[in-house]
Amino acid sequence: MGEMRLGARNQPVFAAAGLWQRTAAGHGFTAVTCDPTKLIGPAHPRAMITIPRPEDLTTWLQGCYAAIVSLQRSFGAGRMTLRAPVFRARWAERLRRK
């Protein structure tokens, strides 16, 4: 989401789900993605970052595999905010292609 600012309504800070591990080359990180919401879909039709709900953070950090996988879901368009893109021309071009 390099061209936009994503936020969570009524939350000044939110978490983006990811996985971290040590590797032979150093530290490794990957973002966990899910299906995009209607808000994110026009800009990123294939995926969006998984945003755990505040009440799910303990499970995300300490839960068993099955519990963690169940949290890989869209946050909900109504719970999110999206500020206008920095590069408006590219955003408009993407919307025209739809």
PDB file of N, CA and C in Angstrom:
ATOM      1  N   MET A   1       0.819  -1.174   0.000  1.00  0.00           N
ATOM      2  CA  MET A   1       0.000   0.000   0.000  1.00  0.00           C
ATOM      3  C   MET A   1       0.869   1.247   0.000  1.00  0.00           C
ATOM      4  N   GLY A   2       1.905   1.250  -0.781  1.00  0.00           N
ATOM      5  CA  GLY A   2       2.856   2.337  -0.788  1.00  0.00           C
ATOM      6  C   GLY A   2       2.291   3.684  -1.171  1.00  0.00           C
ATOM      7  N   GLU A   3       1.198   3.739  -1.911  1.00  0.00           N
ATOM      8  CA  GLU A   3       0.658   5.012  -2.355  1.00  0.00           C
ATOM      9  C   GLU A   3      -0.464   5.528  -1.469  1.00  0.00           C
ATOM     10  N   MET A   4      -0.876   4.784  -0.465  1.00  0.00           N
ATOM     11  CA  MET A   4      -2.006   5.161   0.359  1.00  0.00           C
ATOM     12  C   MET A   4      -1.670   5.042   1.831  1.00  0.00           C
ATOM     13  N   ARG A   5      -2.514   5.661   2.645  1.00  0.00           N
ATOM     14  CA  ARG A   5      -2.391   5.512   4.098  1.00  0.00           C
ATOM     15  C   ARG A   5      -3.619   4.783   4.606  1.00  0.00           C
ATOM     16  N   LEU A   6      -3.384   3.630   5.136  1.00  0.00           N
ATOM     17  CA  LEU A   6      -4.440   2.782   5.662  1.00  0.00           C
ATOM     18  C   LEU A   6      -4.537   3.012   7.162  1.00  0.00           C
ATOM     19  N   GLY A   7      -5.755   3.071   7.679  1.00  0.00           N
ATOM     20  CA  GLY A   7      -5.956   3.244   9.104  1.00  0.00           C
ATOM     21  C   GLY A   7      -7.109   2.392   9.597  1.00  0.00           C
ATOM     22  N   ALA A   8      -7.212   2.272  10.894  1.00  0.00           N
ATOM     23  CA  ALA A   8      -8.314   1.543  11.531  1.00  0.00           C
ATOM     24  C   ALA A   8      -9.137   2.555  12.318  1.00  0.00           C
ATOM     25  N   ARG A   9     -10.437   2.593  12.046  1.00  0.00           N
ATOM     26  CA  ARG A   9     -11.314   3.548  12.732  1.00  0.00           C
ATOM     27  C   ARG A   9     -11.256   3.327  14.247  1.00  0.00           C
ATOM     28  N   ASN A  10     -11.221   4.426  14.965  1.00  0.00           N
ATOM     29  CA  ASN A  10     -11.225   4.416  16.432  1.00  0.00           C
ATOM     30  C   ASN A  10     -10.030   3.689  17.026  1.00  0.00           C
ATOM     31  N   GLN A  11      -8.953   3.555  16.258  1.00  0.00           N
ATOM     32  CA  GLN A  11      -7.720   2.945  16.758  1.00  0.00           C
ATOM     33  C   GLN A  11      -6.555   3.790  16.256  1.00  0.00           C
ATOM     34  N   PRO A  12      -5.874   4.496  17.145  1.00  0.00           N
ATOM     35  CA  PRO A  12      -4.745   5.299  16.682  1.00  0.00           C
ATOM     36  C   PRO A  12      -3.581   4.447  16.163  1.00  0.00           C
ATOM     37  N   VAL A  13      -3.498   3.204  16.630  1.00  0.00           N
ATOM     38  CA  VAL A  13      -2.446   2.279  16.212  1.00  0.00           C
ATOM     39  C   VAL A  13      -3.094   0.932  15.919  1.00  0.00           C
ATOM     40  N   PHE A  14      -2.619   0.247  14.881  1.00  0.00           N
ATOM     41  CA  PHE A  14      -3.104  -1.103  14.604  1.00  0.00           C
ATOM     42  C   PHE A  14      -1.928  -1.974  14.202  1.00  0.00           C
ATOM     43  N   ALA A  15      -2.132  -3.278  14.281  1.00  0.00           N
ATOM     44  CA  ALA A  15      -1.076  -4.236  13.957  1.00  0.00           C
ATOM     45  C   ALA A  15      -1.299  -4.803  12.554  1.00  0.00           C
ATOM     46  N   ALA A  16      -0.215  -5.065  11.877  1.00  0.00           N
ATOM     47  CA  ALA A  16      -0.248  -5.783  10.603  1.00  0.00           C
ATOM     48  C   ALA A  16       0.376  -7.153  10.865  1.00  0.00           C
ATOM     49  N   ALA A  17      -0.328  -8.202  10.494  1.00  0.00           N
ATOM     50  CA  ALA A  17       0.143  -9.552  10.783  1.00  0.00           C
ATOM     51  C   ALA A  17       1.340  -9.916   9.906  1.00  0.00           C
ATOM     52  N   GLY A  18       2.280 -10.562  10.510  1.00  0.00           N
ATOM     53  CA  GLY A  18       3.458 -11.005   9.775  1.00  0.00           C
ATOM     54  C   GLY A  18       4.144 -12.143  10.503  1.00  0.00           C
ATOM     55  N   LEU A  19       5.097 -12.733   9.837  1.00  0.00           N
ATOM     56  CA  LEU A  19       5.890 -13.822  10.403  1.00  0.00           C
ATOM     57  C   LEU A  19       7.358 -13.436  10.325  1.00  0.00           C
ATOM     58  N   TRP A  20       8.077 -13.673  11.399  1.00  0.00           N
ATOM     59  CA  TRP A  20       9.485 -13.323  11.490  1.00  0.00           C
ATOM     60  C   TRP A  20      10.266 -14.562  11.860  1.00  0.00           C
ATOM     61  N   GLN A  21      11.467 -14.687  11.294  1.00  0.00           N
ATOM     62  CA  GLN A  21      12.354 -15.779  11.689  1.00  0.00           C
ATOM     63  C   GLN A  21      13.797 -15.407  11.410  1.00  0.00           C
ATOM     64  N   ARG A  22      14.684 -16.066  12.107  1.00  0.00           N
ATOM     65  CA  ARG A  22      16.109 -15.924  11.808  1.00  0.00           C
ATOM     66  C   ARG A  22      16.425 -16.839  10.642  1.00  0.00           C
ATOM     67  N   THR A  23      17.246 -16.370   9.741  1.00  0.00           N
ATOM     68  CA  THR A  23      17.683 -17.184   8.610  1.00  0.00           C
ATOM     69  C   THR A  23      19.199 -17.134   8.533  1.00  0.00           C
ATOM     70  N   ALA A  24      19.779 -17.953   7.699  1.00  0.00           N
ATOM     71  CA  ALA A  24      21.231 -17.945   7.518  1.00  0.00           C
ATOM     72  C   ALA A  24      21.710 -16.588   7.003  1.00  0.00           C
ATOM     73  N   ALA A  25      20.851 -15.896   6.255  1.00  0.00           N
ATOM     74  CA  ALA A  25      21.206 -14.591   5.684  1.00  0.00           C
ATOM     75  C   ALA A  25      20.881 -13.430   6.626  1.00  0.00           C
ATOM     76  N   GLY A  26      20.282 -13.715   7.779  1.00  0.00           N
ATOM     77  CA  GLY A  26      19.885 -12.656   8.709  1.00  0.00           C
ATOM     78  C   GLY A  26      18.440 -12.846   9.126  1.00  0.00           C
ATOM     79  N   HIS A  27      17.789 -11.756   9.451  1.00  0.00           N
ATOM     80  CA  HIS A  27      16.389 -11.814   9.867  1.00  0.00           C
ATOM     81  C   HIS A  27      15.481 -11.835   8.647  1.00  0.00           C
ATOM     82  N   GLY A  28      14.411 -12.623   8.711  1.00  0.00           N
ATOM     83  CA  GLY A  28      13.451 -12.705   7.619  1.00  0.00           C
ATOM     84  C   GLY A  28      12.064 -12.328   8.101  1.00  0.00           C
ATOM     85  N   PHE A  29      11.322 -11.614   7.269  1.00  0.00           N
ATOM     86  CA  PHE A  29       9.963 -11.206   7.603  1.00  0.00           C
ATOM     87  C   PHE A  29       9.092 -11.322   6.370  1.00  0.00           C
ATOM     88  N   THR A  30       7.859 -11.733   6.562  1.00  0.00           N
ATOM     89  CA  THR A  30       6.873 -11.724   5.486  1.00  0.00           C
ATOM     90  C   THR A  30       5.547 -11.236   6.055  1.00  0.00           C
ATOM     91  N   ALA A  31       4.830 -10.447   5.270  1.00  0.00           N
ATOM     92  CA  ALA A  31       3.506  -9.981   5.670  1.00  0.00           C
ATOM     93  C   ALA A  31       2.493 -11.077   5.373  1.00  0.00           C
ATOM     94  N   VAL A  32       1.528 -11.253   6.251  1.00  0.00           N
ATOM     95  CA  VAL A  32       0.450 -12.215   6.051  1.00  0.00           C
ATOM     96  C   VAL A  32      -0.683 -11.468   5.354  1.00  0.00           C
ATOM     97  N   THR A  33      -1.166 -12.004   4.239  1.00  0.00           N
ATOM     98  CA  THR A  33      -2.210 -11.338   3.472  1.00  0.00           C
ATOM     99  C   THR A  33      -3.508 -12.126   3.502  1.00  0.00           C
ATOM    100  N   CYS A  34      -4.578 -11.468   3.056  1.00  0.00           N
ATOM    101  CA  CYS A  34      -5.902 -12.081   2.971  1.00  0.00           C
ATOM    102  C   CYS A  34      -6.623 -11.452   1.775  1.00  0.00           C
ATOM    103  N   ASP A  35      -7.843 -11.869   1.545  1.00  0.00           N
ATOM    104  CA  ASP A  35      -8.624 -11.282   0.461  1.00  0.00           C
ATOM    105  C   ASP A  35      -8.864  -9.803   0.750  1.00  0.00           C
ATOM    106  N   PRO A  36      -8.815  -8.956  -0.273  1.00  0.00           N
ATOM    107  CA  PRO A  36      -9.017  -7.519  -0.038  1.00  0.00           C
ATOM    108  C   PRO A  36     -10.486  -7.186   0.237  1.00  0.00           C
ATOM    109  N   THR A  37     -10.695  -6.112   0.971  1.00  0.00           N
ATOM    110  CA  THR A  37     -12.046  -5.596   1.188  1.00  0.00           C
ATOM    111  C   THR A  37     -12.451  -4.750  -0.019  1.00  0.00           C
ATOM    112  N   LYS A  38     -13.691  -4.324  -0.053  1.00  0.00           N
ATOM    113  CA  LYS A  38     -14.151  -3.449  -1.140  1.00  0.00           C
ATOM    114  C   LYS A  38     -13.403  -2.123  -1.137  1.00  0.00           C
ATOM    115  N   LEU A  39     -12.935  -1.698   0.008  1.00  0.00           N
ATOM    116  CA  LEU A  39     -12.178  -0.455   0.112  1.00  0.00           C
ATOM    117  C   LEU A  39     -10.792  -0.595  -0.507  1.00  0.00           C
ATOM    118  N   ILE A  40     -10.127  -1.711  -0.284  1.00  0.00           N
ATOM    119  CA  ILE A  40      -8.755  -1.929  -0.750  1.00  0.00           C
ATOM    120  C   ILE A  40      -8.713  -2.531  -2.145  1.00  0.00           C
ATOM    121  N   GLY A  41      -9.708  -3.318  -2.507  1.00  0.00           N
ATOM    122  CA  GLY A  41      -9.732  -4.037  -3.780  1.00  0.00           C
ATOM    123  C   GLY A  41      -9.405  -3.237  -5.022  1.00  0.00           C
ATOM    124  N   PRO A  42      -9.930  -2.007  -5.196  1.00  0.00           N
ATOM    125  CA  PRO A  42      -9.589  -1.261  -6.417  1.00  0.00           C
ATOM    126  C   PRO A  42      -8.093  -0.988  -6.579  1.00  0.00           C
ATOM    127  N   ALA A  43      -7.388  -0.837  -5.466  1.00  0.00           N
ATOM    128  CA  ALA A  43      -5.950  -0.576  -5.540  1.00  0.00           C
ATOM    129  C   ALA A  43      -5.126  -1.850  -5.525  1.00  0.00           C
ATOM    130  N   HIS A  44      -5.588  -2.853  -4.780  1.00  0.00           N
ATOM    131  CA  HIS A  44      -4.869  -4.121  -4.639  1.00  0.00           C
ATOM    132  C   HIS A  44      -5.866  -5.268  -4.789  1.00  0.00           C
ATOM    133  N   PRO A  45      -6.192  -5.647  -6.012  1.00  0.00           N
ATOM    134  CA  PRO A  45      -7.247  -6.636  -6.230  1.00  0.00           C
ATOM    135  C   PRO A  45      -6.919  -8.052  -5.763  1.00  0.00           C
ATOM    136  N   ARG A  46      -5.652  -8.387  -5.610  1.00  0.00           N
ATOM    137  CA  ARG A  46      -5.304  -9.770  -5.230  1.00  0.00           C
ATOM    138  C   ARG A  46      -5.263 -10.007  -3.736  1.00  0.00           C
ATOM    139  N   ALA A  47      -4.807  -9.015  -2.963  1.00  0.00           N
ATOM    140  CA  ALA A  47      -4.632  -9.253  -1.530  1.00  0.00           C
ATOM    141  C   ALA A  47      -4.449  -7.943  -0.777  1.00  0.00           C
ATOM    142  N   MET A  48      -4.623  -8.036   0.531  1.00  0.00           N
ATOM    143  CA  MET A  48      -4.320  -6.926   1.438  1.00  0.00           C
ATOM    144  C   MET A  48      -3.665  -7.517   2.677  1.00  0.00           C
ATOM    145  N   ILE A  49      -3.035  -6.672   3.477  1.00  0.00           N
ATOM    146  CA  ILE A  49      -2.421  -7.171   4.707  1.00  0.00           C
ATOM    147  C   ILE A  49      -3.504  -7.624   5.677  1.00  0.00           C
ATOM    148  N   THR A  50      -3.195  -8.618   6.446  1.00  0.00           N
ATOM    149  CA  THR A  50      -4.100  -9.067   7.499  1.00  0.00           C
ATOM    150  C   THR A  50      -3.908  -8.152   8.697  1.00  0.00           C
ATOM    151  N   ILE A  51      -5.005  -7.599   9.188  1.00  0.00           N
ATOM    152  CA  ILE A  51      -4.973  -6.719  10.360  1.00  0.00           C
ATOM    153  C   ILE A  51      -5.721  -7.424  11.483  1.00  0.00           C
ATOM    154  N   PRO A  52      -4.998  -7.947  12.460  1.00  0.00           N
ATOM    155  CA  PRO A  52      -5.695  -8.599  13.580  1.00  0.00           C
ATOM    156  C   PRO A  52      -6.508  -7.575  14.380  1.00  0.00           C
ATOM    157  N   ARG A  53      -7.673  -7.957  14.813  1.00  0.00           N
ATOM    158  CA  ARG A  53      -8.481  -7.099  15.689  1.00  0.00           C
ATOM    159  C   ARG A  53      -7.786  -7.015  17.047  1.00  0.00           C
ATOM    160  N   PRO A  54      -7.948  -5.912  17.763  1.00  0.00           N
ATOM    161  CA  PRO A  54      -7.267  -5.779  19.061  1.00  0.00           C
ATOM    162  C   PRO A  54      -7.523  -6.955  19.996  1.00  0.00           C
ATOM    163  N   GLU A  55      -8.743  -7.465  19.997  1.00  0.00           N
ATOM    164  CA  GLU A  55      -9.066  -8.582  20.894  1.00  0.00           C
ATOM    165  C   GLU A  55      -8.415  -9.900  20.463  1.00  0.00           C
ATOM    166  N   ASP A  56      -7.828  -9.933  19.257  1.00  0.00           N
ATOM    167  CA  ASP A  56      -7.194 -11.155  18.746  1.00  0.00           C
ATOM    168  C   ASP A  56      -5.665 -11.144  18.846  1.00  0.00           C
ATOM    169  N   LEU A  57      -5.090 -10.076  19.362  1.00  0.00           N
ATOM    170  CA  LEU A  57      -3.625  -9.969  19.356  1.00  0.00           C
ATOM    171  C   LEU A  57      -2.950 -11.045  20.199  1.00  0.00           C
ATOM    172  N   THR A  58      -3.483 -11.362  21.350  1.00  0.00           N
ATOM    173  CA  THR A  58      -2.870 -12.404  22.189  1.00  0.00           C
ATOM    174  C   THR A  58      -2.895 -13.740  21.459  1.00  0.00           C
ATOM    175  N   THR A  59      -4.008 -14.055  20.807  1.00  0.00           N
ATOM    176  CA  THR A  59      -4.087 -15.310  20.043  1.00  0.00           C
ATOM    177  C   THR A  59      -3.081 -15.290  18.908  1.00  0.00           C
ATOM    178  N   TRP A  60      -2.963 -14.161  18.195  1.00  0.00           N
ATOM    179  CA  TRP A  60      -2.016 -14.068  17.081  1.00  0.00           C
ATOM    180  C   TRP A  60      -0.593 -14.313  17.561  1.00  0.00           C
ATOM    181  N   LEU A  61      -0.251 -13.785  18.701  1.00  0.00           N
ATOM    182  CA  LEU A  61       1.120 -13.896  19.198  1.00  0.00           C
ATOM    183  C   LEU A  61       1.404 -15.201  19.936  1.00  0.00           C
ATOM    184  N   GLN A  62       0.380 -15.831  20.538  1.00  0.00           N
ATOM    185  CA  GLN A  62       0.634 -16.985  21.388  1.00  0.00           C
ATOM    186  C   GLN A  62      -0.225 -18.204  21.083  1.00  0.00           C
ATOM    187  N   GLY A  63      -1.156 -18.100  20.157  1.00  0.00           N
ATOM    188  CA  GLY A  63      -2.099 -19.185  19.914  1.00  0.00           C
ATOM    189  C   GLY A  63      -1.514 -20.356  19.145  1.00  0.00           C
ATOM    190  N   CYS A  64      -2.289 -21.424  19.097  1.00  0.00           N
ATOM    191  CA  CYS A  64      -1.894 -22.593  18.316  1.00  0.00           C
ATOM    192  C   CYS A  64      -2.110 -22.293  16.826  1.00  0.00           C
ATOM    193  N   TYR A  65      -1.563 -23.128  15.979  1.00  0.00           N
ATOM    194  CA  TYR A  65      -1.629 -22.910  14.531  1.00  0.00           C
ATOM    195  C   TYR A  65      -3.066 -22.731  14.038  1.00  0.00           C
ATOM    196  N   ALA A  66      -3.979 -23.599  14.440  1.00  0.00           N
ATOM    197  CA  ALA A  66      -5.370 -23.521  13.966  1.00  0.00           C
ATOM    198  C   ALA A  66      -6.017 -22.192  14.363  1.00  0.00           C
ATOM    199  N   ALA A  67      -5.756 -21.732  15.572  1.00  0.00           N
ATOM    200  CA  ALA A  67      -6.327 -20.464  16.030  1.00  0.00           C
ATOM    201  C   ALA A  67      -5.751 -19.293  15.245  1.00  0.00           C
ATOM    202  N   ILE A  68      -4.459 -19.336  14.979  1.00  0.00           N
ATOM    203  CA  ILE A  68      -3.813 -18.257  14.229  1.00  0.00           C
ATOM    204  C   ILE A  68      -4.331 -18.210  12.798  1.00  0.00           C
ATOM    205  N   VAL A  69      -4.448 -19.340  12.143  1.00  0.00           N
ATOM    206  CA  VAL A  69      -4.937 -19.387  10.765  1.00  0.00           C
ATOM    207  C   VAL A  69      -6.350 -18.821  10.682  1.00  0.00           C
ATOM    208  N   SER A  70      -7.169 -19.041  11.699  1.00  0.00           N
ATOM    209  CA  SER A  70      -8.542 -18.523  11.670  1.00  0.00           C
ATOM    210  C   SER A  70      -8.579 -16.996  11.694  1.00  0.00           C
ATOM    211  N   LEU A  71      -7.494 -16.361  12.103  1.00  0.00           N
ATOM    212  CA  LEU A  71      -7.426 -14.894  12.147  1.00  0.00           C
ATOM    213  C   LEU A  71      -7.019 -14.279  10.813  1.00  0.00           C
ATOM    214  N   GLN A  72      -6.654 -15.097   9.860  1.00  0.00           N
ATOM    215  CA  GLN A  72      -6.244 -14.586   8.544  1.00  0.00           C
ATOM    216  C   GLN A  72      -7.504 -14.272   7.736  1.00  0.00           C
ATOM    217  N   ARG A  73      -8.054 -13.092   8.006  1.00  0.00           N
ATOM    218  CA  ARG A  73      -9.297 -12.661   7.363  1.00  0.00           C
ATOM    219  C   ARG A  73      -9.260 -11.146   7.200  1.00  0.00           C
ATOM    220  N   SER A  74     -10.124 -10.653   6.334  1.00  0.00           N
ATOM    221  CA  SER A  74     -10.201  -9.210   6.108  1.00  0.00           C
ATOM    222  C   SER A  74     -10.678  -8.498   7.368  1.00  0.00           C
ATOM    223  N   PHE A  75     -10.161  -7.331   7.594  1.00  0.00           N
ATOM    224  CA  PHE A  75     -10.481  -6.533   8.779  1.00  0.00           C
ATOM    225  C   PHE A  75     -11.899  -5.971   8.694  1.00  0.00           C
ATOM    226  N   GLY A  76     -12.394  -5.719   7.518  1.00  0.00           N
ATOM    227  CA  GLY A  76     -13.730  -5.147   7.330  1.00  0.00           C
ATOM    228  C   GLY A  76     -13.638  -3.721   6.840  1.00  0.00           C
ATOM    229  N   ALA A  77     -14.185  -3.457   5.666  1.00  0.00           N
ATOM    230  CA  ALA A  77     -14.080  -2.133   5.054  1.00  0.00           C
ATOM    231  C   ALA A  77     -14.646  -1.040   5.951  1.00  0.00           C
ATOM    232  N   GLY A  78     -15.703  -1.330   6.688  1.00  0.00           N
ATOM    233  CA  GLY A  78     -16.301  -0.329   7.558  1.00  0.00           C
ATOM    234  C   GLY A  78     -15.446   0.045   8.751  1.00  0.00           C
ATOM    235  N   ARG A  79     -14.472  -0.779   9.072  1.00  0.00           N
ATOM    236  CA  ARG A  79     -13.583  -0.520  10.208  1.00  0.00           C
ATOM    237  C   ARG A  79     -12.295   0.166   9.781  1.00  0.00           C
ATOM    238  N   MET A  80     -12.156   0.406   8.462  1.00  0.00           N
ATOM    239  CA  MET A  80     -10.902   0.942   7.934  1.00  0.00           C
ATOM    240  C   MET A  80     -11.088   2.339   7.354  1.00  0.00           C
ATOM    241  N   THR A  81      -9.982   3.071   7.277  1.00  0.00           N
ATOM    242  CA  THR A  81      -9.947   4.349   6.577  1.00  0.00           C
ATOM    243  C   THR A  81      -8.834   4.268   5.545  1.00  0.00           C
ATOM    244  N   LEU A  82      -8.985   5.019   4.490  1.00  0.00           N
ATOM    245  CA  LEU A  82      -7.977   5.041   3.434  1.00  0.00           C
ATOM    246  C   LEU A  82      -7.844   6.470   2.968  1.00  0.00           C
ATOM    247  N   ARG A  83      -6.645   7.025   3.091  1.00  0.00           N
ATOM    248  CA  ARG A  83      -6.412   8.386   2.621  1.00  0.00           C
ATOM    249  C   ARG A  83      -6.055   8.356   1.151  1.00  0.00           C
ATOM    250  N   ALA A  84      -6.313   9.470   0.507  1.00  0.00           N
ATOM    251  CA  ALA A  84      -6.048   9.579  -0.924  1.00  0.00           C
ATOM    252  C   ALA A  84      -4.608   9.196  -1.244  1.00  0.00           C
ATOM    253  N   PRO A  85      -4.404   8.614  -2.406  1.00  0.00           N
ATOM    254  CA  PRO A  85      -3.053   8.214  -2.799  1.00  0.00           C
ATOM    255  C   PRO A  85      -2.162   9.426  -3.058  1.00  0.00           C
ATOM    256  N   VAL A  86      -0.886   9.194  -2.893  1.00  0.00           N
ATOM    257  CA  VAL A  86       0.088  10.243  -3.177  1.00  0.00           C
ATOM    258  C   VAL A  86       0.129  10.525  -4.675  1.00  0.00           C
ATOM    259  N   PHE A  87       0.071   9.488  -5.477  1.00  0.00           N
ATOM    260  CA  PHE A  87       0.135   9.630  -6.921  1.00  0.00           C
ATOM    261  C   PHE A  87      -1.257   9.466  -7.505  1.00  0.00           C
ATOM    262  N   ARG A  88      -2.029  10.521  -7.501  1.00  0.00           N
ATOM    263  CA  ARG A  88      -3.424  10.469  -7.919  1.00  0.00           C
ATOM    264  C   ARG A  88      -3.606   9.949  -9.343  1.00  0.00           C
ATOM    265  N   ALA A  89      -2.710  10.265 -10.239  1.00  0.00           N
ATOM    266  CA  ALA A  89      -2.857   9.828 -11.632  1.00  0.00           C
ATOM    267  C   ALA A  89      -2.869   8.310 -11.726  1.00  0.00           C
ATOM    268  N   ARG A  90      -2.001   7.637 -10.999  1.00  0.00           N
ATOM    269  CA  ARG A  90      -1.966   6.174 -11.036  1.00  0.00           C
ATOM    270  C   ARG A  90      -3.225   5.583 -10.431  1.00  0.00           C
ATOM    271  N   TRP A  91      -3.723   6.162  -9.347  1.00  0.00           N
ATOM    272  CA  TRP A  91      -4.940   5.687  -8.712  1.00  0.00           C
ATOM    273  C   TRP A  91      -6.106   5.800  -9.684  1.00  0.00           C
ATOM    274  N   ALA A  92      -6.242   6.946 -10.325  1.00  0.00           N
ATOM    275  CA  ALA A  92      -7.335   7.152 -11.279  1.00  0.00           C
ATOM    276  C   ALA A  92      -7.225   6.177 -12.444  1.00  0.00           C
ATOM    277  N   GLU A  93      -6.007   5.914 -12.890  1.00  0.00           N
ATOM    278  CA  GLU A  93      -5.809   4.968 -13.989  1.00  0.00           C
ATOM    279  C   GLU A  93      -6.257   3.561 -13.588  1.00  0.00           C
ATOM    280  N   ARG A  94      -5.958   3.148 -12.377  1.00  0.00           N
ATOM    281  CA  ARG A  94      -6.374   1.828 -11.906  1.00  0.00           C
ATOM    282  C   ARG A  94      -7.893   1.718 -11.852  1.00  0.00           C
ATOM    283  N   LEU A  95      -8.544   2.765 -11.399  1.00  0.00           N
ATOM    284  CA  LEU A  95      -9.996   2.727 -11.317  1.00  0.00           C
ATOM    285  C   LEU A  95     -10.641   2.693 -12.704  1.00  0.00           C
ATOM    286  N   ARG A  96     -10.028   3.373 -13.670  1.00  0.00           N
ATOM    287  CA  ARG A  96     -10.569   3.367 -15.045  1.00  0.00           C
ATOM    288  C   ARG A  96     -10.486   1.987 -15.659  1.00  0.00           C
ATOM    289  N   ARG A  97      -9.469   1.206 -15.295  1.00  0.00           N
ATOM    290  CA  ARG A  97      -9.295  -0.132 -15.855  1.00  0.00           C
ATOM    291  C   ARG A  97     -10.349  -1.111 -15.382  1.00  0.00           C
ATOM    292  N   LYS A  98     -11.021  -0.823 -14.295  1.00  0.00           N
ATOM    293  CA  LYS A  98     -12.031  -1.737 -13.728  1.00  0.00           C
ATOM    294  C   LYS A  98     -13.251  -1.837 -14.604  1.00  0.00           C
TER     295      LYS A  98
END
